[in-house]
C-alpha atoms as a PDB file:
ATOM      1  CA  UNK A   1      -3.302 -15.924  -4.441  1.00  0.00           C
ATOM      2  CA  UNK A   2      -6.913 -15.833  -5.354  1.00  0.00           C
ATOM      3  CA  UNK A   3      -8.736 -18.910  -4.203  1.00  0.00           C
ATOM      4  CA  UNK A   4     -11.404 -20.633  -6.242  1.00  0.00           C
ATOM      5  CA  UNK A   5     -13.928 -19.593  -3.602  1.00  0.00           C
ATOM      6  CA  UNK A   6     -13.023 -15.920  -4.074  1.00  0.00           C
ATOM      7  CA  UNK A   7     -13.287 -16.234  -7.845  1.00  0.00           C
ATOM      8  CA  UNK A   8     -16.663 -17.949  -7.425  1.00  0.00           C
ATOM      9  CA  UNK A   9     -17.882 -15.140  -5.145  1.00  0.00           C
ATOM     10  CA  UNK A  10     -16.936 -12.557  -7.774  1.00  0.00           C
ATOM     11  CA  UNK A  11     -18.862 -14.346 -10.524  1.00  0.00           C
ATOM     12  CA  UNK A  12     -21.780 -15.027  -8.175  1.00  0.00           C
ATOM     13  CA  UNK A  13     -21.966 -11.350  -7.134  1.00  0.00           C
ATOM     14  CA  UNK A  14     -22.263 -10.311 -10.773  1.00  0.00           C
ATOM     15  CA  UNK A  15     -24.723 -13.072 -11.671  1.00  0.00           C
ATOM     16  CA  UNK A  16     -27.026 -12.205  -8.751  1.00  0.00           C
ATOM     17  CA  UNK A  17     -27.356  -8.694 -10.140  1.00  0.00           C
ATOM     18  CA  UNK A  18     -27.722  -9.770 -13.789  1.00  0.00           C
ATOM     19  CA  UNK A  19     -24.687  -7.669 -14.702  1.00  0.00           C
ATOM     20  CA  UNK A  20     -23.028 -10.255 -16.932  1.00  0.00           C
ATOM     21  CA  UNK A  21     -24.888  -8.890 -19.953  1.00  0.00           C
ATOM     22  CA  UNK A  22     -22.894  -5.657 -19.576  1.00  0.00           C
ATOM     23  CA  UNK A  23     -19.554  -7.423 -19.233  1.00  0.00           C
ATOM     24  CA  UNK A  24     -18.279  -7.528 -22.781  1.00  0.00           C
ATOM     25  CA  UNK A  25     -14.551  -7.988 -23.216  1.00  0.00           C
ATOM     26  CA  UNK A  26     -14.341  -4.370 -24.334  1.00  0.00           C
ATOM     27  CA  UNK A  27     -16.223  -3.033 -21.307  1.00  0.00           C
ATOM     28  CA  UNK A  28     -14.184  -5.143 -18.910  1.00  0.00           C
ATOM     29  CA  UNK A  29     -10.900  -3.990 -20.484  1.00  0.00           C
ATOM     30  CA  UNK A  30     -12.058  -0.379 -20.141  1.00  0.00           C
ATOM     31  CA  UNK A  31     -13.043  -0.983 -16.529  1.00  0.00           C
ATOM     32  CA  UNK A  32      -9.634  -2.468 -15.722  1.00  0.00           C
ATOM     33  CA  UNK A  33      -7.961   0.664 -17.107  1.00  0.00           C
ATOM     34  CA  UNK A  34     -10.338   2.997 -15.291  1.00  0.00           C
ATOM     35  CA  UNK A  35      -9.807   1.260 -11.960  1.00  0.00           C
ATOM     36  CA  UNK A  36      -6.029   1.119 -12.528  1.00  0.00           C
ATOM     37  CA  UNK A  37      -6.126   4.878 -13.113  1.00  0.00           C
ATOM     38  CA  UNK A  38      -8.002   5.336  -9.851  1.00  0.00           C
ATOM     39  CA  UNK A  39      -5.302   3.285  -8.127  1.00  0.00           C
ATOM     40  CA  UNK A  40      -2.609   5.442  -9.732  1.00  0.00           C
ATOM     41  CA  UNK A  41      -4.444   8.565  -8.590  1.00  0.00           C
ATOM     42  CA  UNK A  42      -3.671   7.551  -4.997  1.00  0.00           C
ATOM     43  CA  UNK A  43      -0.006   8.252  -5.832  1.00  0.00           C
ATOM     44  CA  UNK A  44      -0.574  11.306  -8.031  1.00  0.00           C
ATOM     45  CA  UNK A  45       1.490  13.751  -5.993  1.00  0.00           C
ATOM     46  CA  UNK A  46       4.217  11.569  -4.598  1.00  0.00           C
ATOM     47  CA  UNK A  47       5.650   8.111  -4.041  1.00  0.00           C
ATOM     48  CA  UNK A  48       3.400   7.389  -1.059  1.00  0.00           C
ATOM     49  CA  UNK A  49      -0.360   7.049  -1.061  1.00  0.00           C
ATOM     50  CA  UNK A  50      -2.031  10.358  -0.400  1.00  0.00           C
ATOM     51  CA  UNK A  51      -2.610  10.773   3.333  1.00  0.00           C
ATOM     52  CA  UNK A  52      -1.211   7.256   3.764  1.00  0.00           C
ATOM     53  CA  UNK A  53      -4.691   6.037   2.867  1.00  0.00           C
ATOM     54  CA  UNK A  54      -3.906   2.348   2.504  1.00  0.00           C
ATOM     55  CA  UNK A  55      -7.582   1.410   2.778  1.00  0.00           C
ATOM     56  CA  UNK A  56      -8.347   3.386  -0.385  1.00  0.00           C
ATOM     57  CA  UNK A  57      -5.349   1.827  -2.152  1.00  0.00           C
ATOM     58  CA  UNK A  58      -6.592  -1.643  -1.160  1.00  0.00           C
ATOM     59  CA  UNK A  59     -10.085  -0.873  -2.455  1.00  0.00           C
ATOM     60  CA  UNK A  60      -8.787   0.328  -5.826  1.00  0.00           C
ATOM     61  CA  UNK A  61      -6.427  -2.643  -6.126  1.00  0.00           C
ATOM     62  CA  UNK A  62      -9.349  -4.956  -5.335  1.00  0.00           C
ATOM     63  CA  UNK A  63     -11.421  -3.282  -8.063  1.00  0.00           C
ATOM     64  CA  UNK A  64      -8.641  -3.895 -10.609  1.00  0.00           C
ATOM     65  CA  UNK A  65      -8.339  -7.537  -9.574  1.00  0.00           C
ATOM     66  CA  UNK A  66     -12.102  -8.096  -9.601  1.00  0.00           C
ATOM     67  CA  UNK A  67     -12.370  -6.808 -13.156  1.00  0.00           C
ATOM     68  CA  UNK A  68      -9.375  -8.940 -14.190  1.00  0.00           C
ATOM     69  CA  UNK A  69     -11.066 -12.041 -12.761  1.00  0.00           C
ATOM     70  CA  UNK A  70     -14.283 -11.130 -14.546  1.00  0.00           C
ATOM     71  CA  UNK A  71     -12.453 -10.672 -17.851  1.00  0.00           C
ATOM     72  CA  UNK A  72     -10.657 -13.995 -17.464  1.00  0.00           C
ATOM     73  CA  UNK A  73     -14.021 -15.615 -16.823  1.00  0.00           C
ATOM     74  CA  UNK A  74     -15.545 -13.900 -19.869  1.00  0.00           C
ATOM     75  CA  UNK A  75     -12.659 -15.112 -22.053  1.00  0.00           C
ATOM     76  CA  UNK A  76     -12.833 -18.623 -20.533  1.00  0.00           C
ATOM     77  CA  UNK A  77      -9.182 -18.567 -19.571  1.00  0.00           C
ATOM     78  CA  UNK A  78      -7.574 -20.004 -16.493  1.00  0.00           C
ATOM     79  CA  UNK A  79      -5.720 -17.336 -14.510  1.00  0.00           C
ATOM     80  CA  UNK A  80      -3.039 -19.769 -13.346  1.00  0.00           C
ATOM     81  CA  UNK A  81      -2.419 -20.943 -16.907  1.00  0.00           C
ATOM     82  CA  UNK A  82      -2.113 -17.483 -18.467  1.00  0.00           C
ATOM     83  CA  UNK A  83       0.108 -16.216 -15.643  1.00  0.00           C
ATOM     84  CA  UNK A  84       2.407 -19.248 -15.812  1.00  0.00           C
ATOM     85  CA  UNK A  85       2.594 -18.916 -19.598  1.00  0.00           C
ATOM     86  CA  UNK A  86       3.512 -15.228 -19.359  1.00  0.00           C
ATOM     87  CA  UNK A  87       6.097 -15.853 -16.638  1.00  0.00           C
ATOM     88  CA  UNK A  88       7.702 -18.496 -18.859  1.00  0.00           C
ATOM     89  CA  UNK A  89       7.927 -16.024 -21.736  1.00  0.00           C
ATOM     90  CA  UNK A  90       9.325 -13.344 -19.420  1.00  0.00           C
ATOM     91  CA  UNK A  91      12.002 -15.754 -18.154  1.00  0.00           C
ATOM     92  CA  UNK A  92      13.244 -16.045 -21.728  1.00  0.00           C
ATOM     93  CA  UNK A  93      13.109 -12.298 -22.365  1.00  0.00           C
ATOM     94  CA  UNK A  94      14.689 -11.371 -19.034  1.00  0.00           C
ATOM     95  CA  UNK A  95      17.424 -13.877 -18.153  1.00  0.00           C
ATOM     96  CA  UNK A  96      18.744 -13.318 -14.637  1.00  0.00           C
ATOM     97  CA  UNK A  97      22.314 -12.808 -15.841  1.00  0.00           C
ATOM     98  CA  UNK A  98      21.252  -9.807 -17.945  1.00  0.00           C
ATOM     99  CA  UNK A  99      18.332  -8.408 -16.039  1.00  0.00           C
ATOM    100  CA  UNK A 100      19.313  -8.743 -12.376  1.00  0.00           C
ATOM    101  CA  UNK A 101      19.014  -5.290 -10.804  1.00  0.00           C
ATOM    102  CA  UNK A 102      18.340  -3.750 -14.212  1.00  0.00           C
ATOM    103  CA  UNK A 103      15.051  -2.113 -15.182  1.00  0.00           C
ATOM    104  CA  UNK A 104      15.827  -1.923 -18.909  1.00  0.00           C
ATOM    105  CA  UNK A 105      13.345  -3.284 -21.428  1.00  0.00           C
ATOM    106  CA  UNK A 106      14.313  -6.746 -22.713  1.00  0.00           C
ATOM    107  CA  UNK A 107      15.279  -5.370 -26.138  1.00  0.00           C
ATOM    108  CA  UNK A 108      17.771  -3.008 -24.476  1.00  0.00           C
ATOM    109  CA  UNK A 109      19.531  -5.603 -22.309  1.00  0.00           C
END
């Protein structure tokens, strides 16, 4: 879990550099996708990270999470609240009895 102190460090890091003015919702959404693509690139040629480079995987995952925290801050939403809300919706779409061990989309269950 991300602690409040970690979230505060992320926002402080950006504020100290006066980067917030560049962090529109659109730019942050783009950055999340770009960093997620860089994470995916680690697995481009197989199911394991290239050269078992877990440090690089961790760095790319951290970049994705940092941008997600920044976007949540920009949109004034509480990460716990939006995650709990989405999990509640997913529980309804994916009941255990139908989805256990099944990777089908909810509409195909």
